[in-house]
Amino acid sequence: MNTPNISETKKAAFQLAGLIYGISLDGIVDRNEYLALKSWCGEFEPLCEQDEFQKLHSRIKPIIDDGKINSEEIEEIKMILNQFLDEMDALSEEDGKLYFLNGIFKGILASGDINTYEMYRLNQWLEKNSSLKNTPPFSELFGIIQSVLEDKSVDDEEAKKLKSYFSKWVEG
């Protein structure tokens, strides 16, 4: 068995940070989004063999395991993650943004719905990280989001297209 390395730990933390961001875009954490958080805990539990990750996991898992997530707990998880990534000197790593984006996609997909407000918030995040504009999947995503927001709303066809695009990157 391969021993997880530090980059896997950072990947997991960035993905959770993105997942939290994606889930909280619309201000509501529904049952499916909660299950996505629970799934993250299970998926990355093997990384607990590493002390660094064990510390992170042991602080986050009890918050998620209580059966519901409210806005205060979302903020607490964000704080824990920022502190963790800061201690690992990872906050400035460009590669982390790709894992963060993957987490955002998972968070948006978890609700089963894609709404206009979420796309405006995703667009804000993309603009804040415009240095990635020429890097896949960011390069394509900038255009897709701009196109979707041209008429200031996400229709059913656009939502379907976005779900397909997000799913491709989550699974790939």
Protein backbone atom coordinates (compact mmCIF):
# COMPACT_ATOMS: atom_id res chain seq x y z
CA MET A 1 0.00 0.00 0.00
CA ASN A 2 1.27 3.46 -0.88
CA THR A 3 1.72 5.78 2.04
CA PRO A 4 -0.12 9.04 1.39
CA ASN A 5 2.16 11.99 0.83
CA ILE A 6 1.72 15.57 1.86
CA SER A 7 0.31 16.61 -1.52
CA GLU A 8 -2.59 14.18 -1.06
CA THR A 9 -3.28 15.82 2.29
CA LYS A 10 -3.31 19.26 0.71
CA LYS A 11 -5.48 17.99 -2.14
CA ALA A 12 -8.04 16.65 0.35
CA ALA A 13 -8.05 19.91 2.32
CA PHE A 14 -8.42 22.07 -0.79
CA GLN A 15 -11.18 19.82 -2.08
CA LEU A 16 -13.07 20.13 1.20
CA ALA A 17 -12.58 23.91 1.16
CA GLY A 18 -14.02 24.02 -2.36
CA LEU A 19 -16.84 21.68 -1.39
CA ILE A 20 -17.75 23.94 1.53
CA TYR A 21 -17.59 26.96 -0.79
CA GLY A 22 -19.77 25.24 -3.41
CA ILE A 23 -22.28 24.05 -0.85
CA SER A 24 -22.59 27.45 0.78
CA LEU A 25 -22.94 29.43 -2.48
CA ASP A 26 -26.72 29.54 -2.18
CA GLY A 27 -26.73 29.93 1.61
CA ILE A 28 -28.58 26.66 2.23
CA VAL A 29 -27.15 23.26 3.17
CA ASP A 30 -29.63 20.61 2.13
CA ARG A 31 -29.58 16.87 2.85
CA ASN A 32 -27.65 15.96 -0.33
CA GLU A 33 -25.02 18.60 0.39
CA TYR A 34 -24.69 17.30 3.92
CA LEU A 35 -24.21 13.79 2.48
CA ALA A 36 -21.47 15.15 0.19
CA LEU A 37 -19.62 16.42 3.28
CA LYS A 38 -20.07 13.07 4.99
CA SER A 39 -18.79 11.37 1.85
CA TRP A 40 -15.65 13.54 1.94
CA CYS A 41 -14.94 12.32 5.48
CA GLY A 42 -15.20 8.71 4.38
CA GLU A 43 -13.28 9.15 1.13
CA PHE A 44 -10.25 10.71 2.79
CA GLU A 45 -10.29 8.81 6.08
CA PRO A 46 -7.36 6.61 4.91
CA LEU A 47 -5.18 9.74 4.97
CA CYS A 48 -5.58 9.77 8.76
CA GLU A 49 -2.44 7.60 8.82
CA GLN A 50 -0.66 10.93 8.53
CA ASP A 51 -0.51 13.00 11.69
CA GLU A 52 -1.18 16.28 9.86
CA PHE A 53 -4.32 14.99 8.22
CA GLN A 54 -5.47 13.19 11.36
CA LYS A 55 -5.48 16.53 13.19
CA LEU A 56 -7.64 18.10 10.46
CA HIS A 57 -10.00 15.14 10.12
CA SER A 58 -10.50 14.80 13.88
CA ARG A 59 -11.63 18.44 14.10
CA ILE A 60 -13.97 18.35 11.11
CA LYS A 61 -15.55 14.89 11.33
CA PRO A 62 -17.40 15.53 14.65
CA ILE A 63 -18.97 18.69 13.19
CA ILE A 64 -20.24 16.74 10.20
CA ASP A 65 -21.20 13.61 12.16
CA ASP A 66 -23.82 15.38 14.28
CA GLY A 67 -26.33 14.95 11.43
CA LYS A 68 -26.78 18.53 10.27
CA ILE A 69 -24.71 21.52 9.25
CA ASN A 70 -25.69 25.11 9.98
CA SER A 71 -24.04 28.34 8.85
CA GLU A 72 -21.98 28.68 12.06
CA GLU A 73 -20.57 25.19 11.54
CA ILE A 74 -19.76 26.00 7.90
CA GLU A 75 -17.82 29.04 9.11
CA GLU A 76 -16.06 26.93 11.75
CA ILE A 77 -15.00 24.38 9.12
CA LYS A 78 -13.73 27.21 6.87
CA MET A 79 -11.68 28.59 9.76
CA ILE A 80 -10.23 25.14 10.55
CA LEU A 81 -9.33 24.59 6.89
CA ASN A 82 -7.73 28.01 6.46
CA GLN A 83 -5.67 27.49 9.59
CA PHE A 84 -4.64 24.01 8.40
CA LEU A 85 -3.67 25.16 4.90
CA ASP A 86 -1.85 28.17 6.34
CA GLU A 87 0.16 25.96 8.71
CA MET A 88 1.07 23.76 5.72
CA ASP A 89 2.13 26.85 3.73
CA ALA A 90 -0.34 25.83 1.03
CA LEU A 91 -2.64 28.84 0.68
CA SER A 92 -0.57 30.39 -2.11
CA GLU A 93 -0.19 27.18 -4.13
CA GLU A 94 -1.75 27.52 -7.57
CA ASP A 95 -2.31 23.73 -7.84
CA GLY A 96 -4.54 23.92 -4.78
CA LYS A 97 -6.98 26.07 -6.72
CA LEU A 98 -7.65 23.20 -9.13
CA TYR A 99 -8.62 20.92 -6.21
CA PHE A 100 -10.63 23.77 -4.70
CA LEU A 101 -12.51 24.16 -7.99
CA ASN A 102 -13.15 20.41 -8.07
CA GLY A 103 -14.67 20.76 -4.61
CA ILE A 104 -16.81 23.70 -5.76
CA PHE A 105 -18.15 21.55 -8.60
CA LYS A 106 -18.96 18.74 -6.15
CA GLY A 107 -20.70 21.20 -3.83
CA ILE A 108 -22.81 22.70 -6.61
CA LEU A 109 -23.69 19.28 -7.99
CA ALA A 110 -24.62 17.95 -4.53
CA SER A 111 -27.77 20.04 -4.36
CA GLY A 112 -28.96 18.70 -7.71
CA ASP A 113 -29.89 22.24 -8.70
CA ILE A 114 -27.87 24.99 -10.36
CA ASN A 115 -29.18 28.48 -9.87
CA THR A 116 -28.24 31.93 -11.10
CA TYR A 117 -26.98 33.13 -7.73
CA GLU A 118 -24.53 30.20 -7.53
CA MET A 119 -23.20 31.05 -10.98
CA TYR A 120 -22.70 34.71 -10.04
CA ARG A 121 -20.77 33.60 -6.95
CA LEU A 122 -18.72 31.10 -9.00
CA ASN A 123 -18.00 33.87 -11.49
CA GLN A 124 -16.78 36.11 -8.64
CA TRP A 125 -14.41 33.36 -7.51
CA LEU A 126 -13.15 32.91 -11.08
CA GLU A 127 -12.56 36.65 -11.45
CA LYS A 128 -10.69 36.70 -8.14
CA ASN A 129 -8.49 33.90 -9.52
CA SER A 130 -8.14 35.29 -13.05
CA SER A 131 -4.43 34.41 -13.08
CA LEU A 132 -5.65 30.90 -13.96
CA LYS A 133 -7.57 32.06 -17.03
CA ASN A 134 -5.27 30.23 -19.47
CA THR A 135 -5.20 26.94 -17.54
CA PRO A 136 -7.68 24.11 -18.16
CA PRO A 137 -10.40 23.75 -16.88
CA PHE A 138 -10.40 27.44 -15.97
CA SER A 139 -9.92 28.67 -19.55
CA GLU A 140 -13.07 26.93 -20.78
CA LEU A 141 -15.03 27.61 -17.61
CA PHE A 142 -14.58 31.41 -17.81
CA GLY A 143 -16.26 31.39 -21.24
CA ILE A 144 -19.05 29.04 -20.20
CA ILE A 145 -19.97 31.08 -17.12
CA GLN A 146 -19.84 34.38 -19.05
CA SER A 147 -22.12 32.91 -21.70
CA VAL A 148 -24.58 31.56 -19.12
CA LEU A 149 -24.74 34.87 -17.27
CA GLU A 150 -25.18 36.98 -20.41
CA ASP A 151 -28.95 37.03 -19.95
CA LYS A 152 -28.58 37.22 -16.14
CA SER A 153 -30.26 33.86 -15.48
CA VAL A 154 -29.61 30.13 -15.73
CA ASP A 155 -32.26 28.36 -17.77
CA ASP A 156 -32.89 24.60 -17.74
CA GLU A 157 -30.74 23.94 -20.81
CA GLU A 158 -27.82 25.93 -19.38
CA ALA A 159 -28.17 24.15 -16.02
CA LYS A 160 -28.00 20.82 -17.83
CA LYS A 161 -24.88 21.93 -19.72
CA LEU A 162 -23.24 23.14 -16.50
CA LYS A 163 -24.05 19.89 -14.67
CA SER A 164 -22.50 17.92 -17.50
CA TYR A 165 -19.39 20.11 -17.54
CA PHE A 166 -18.96 20.01 -13.75
CA SER A 167 -19.50 16.24 -13.67
CA LYS A 168 -16.86 15.72 -16.34
CA TRP A 169 -14.25 17.46 -14.16
CA VAL A 170 -15.38 15.80 -10.93
CA GLU A 171 -15.18 12.31 -12.41
CA GLY A 172 -12.13 12.96 -14.61
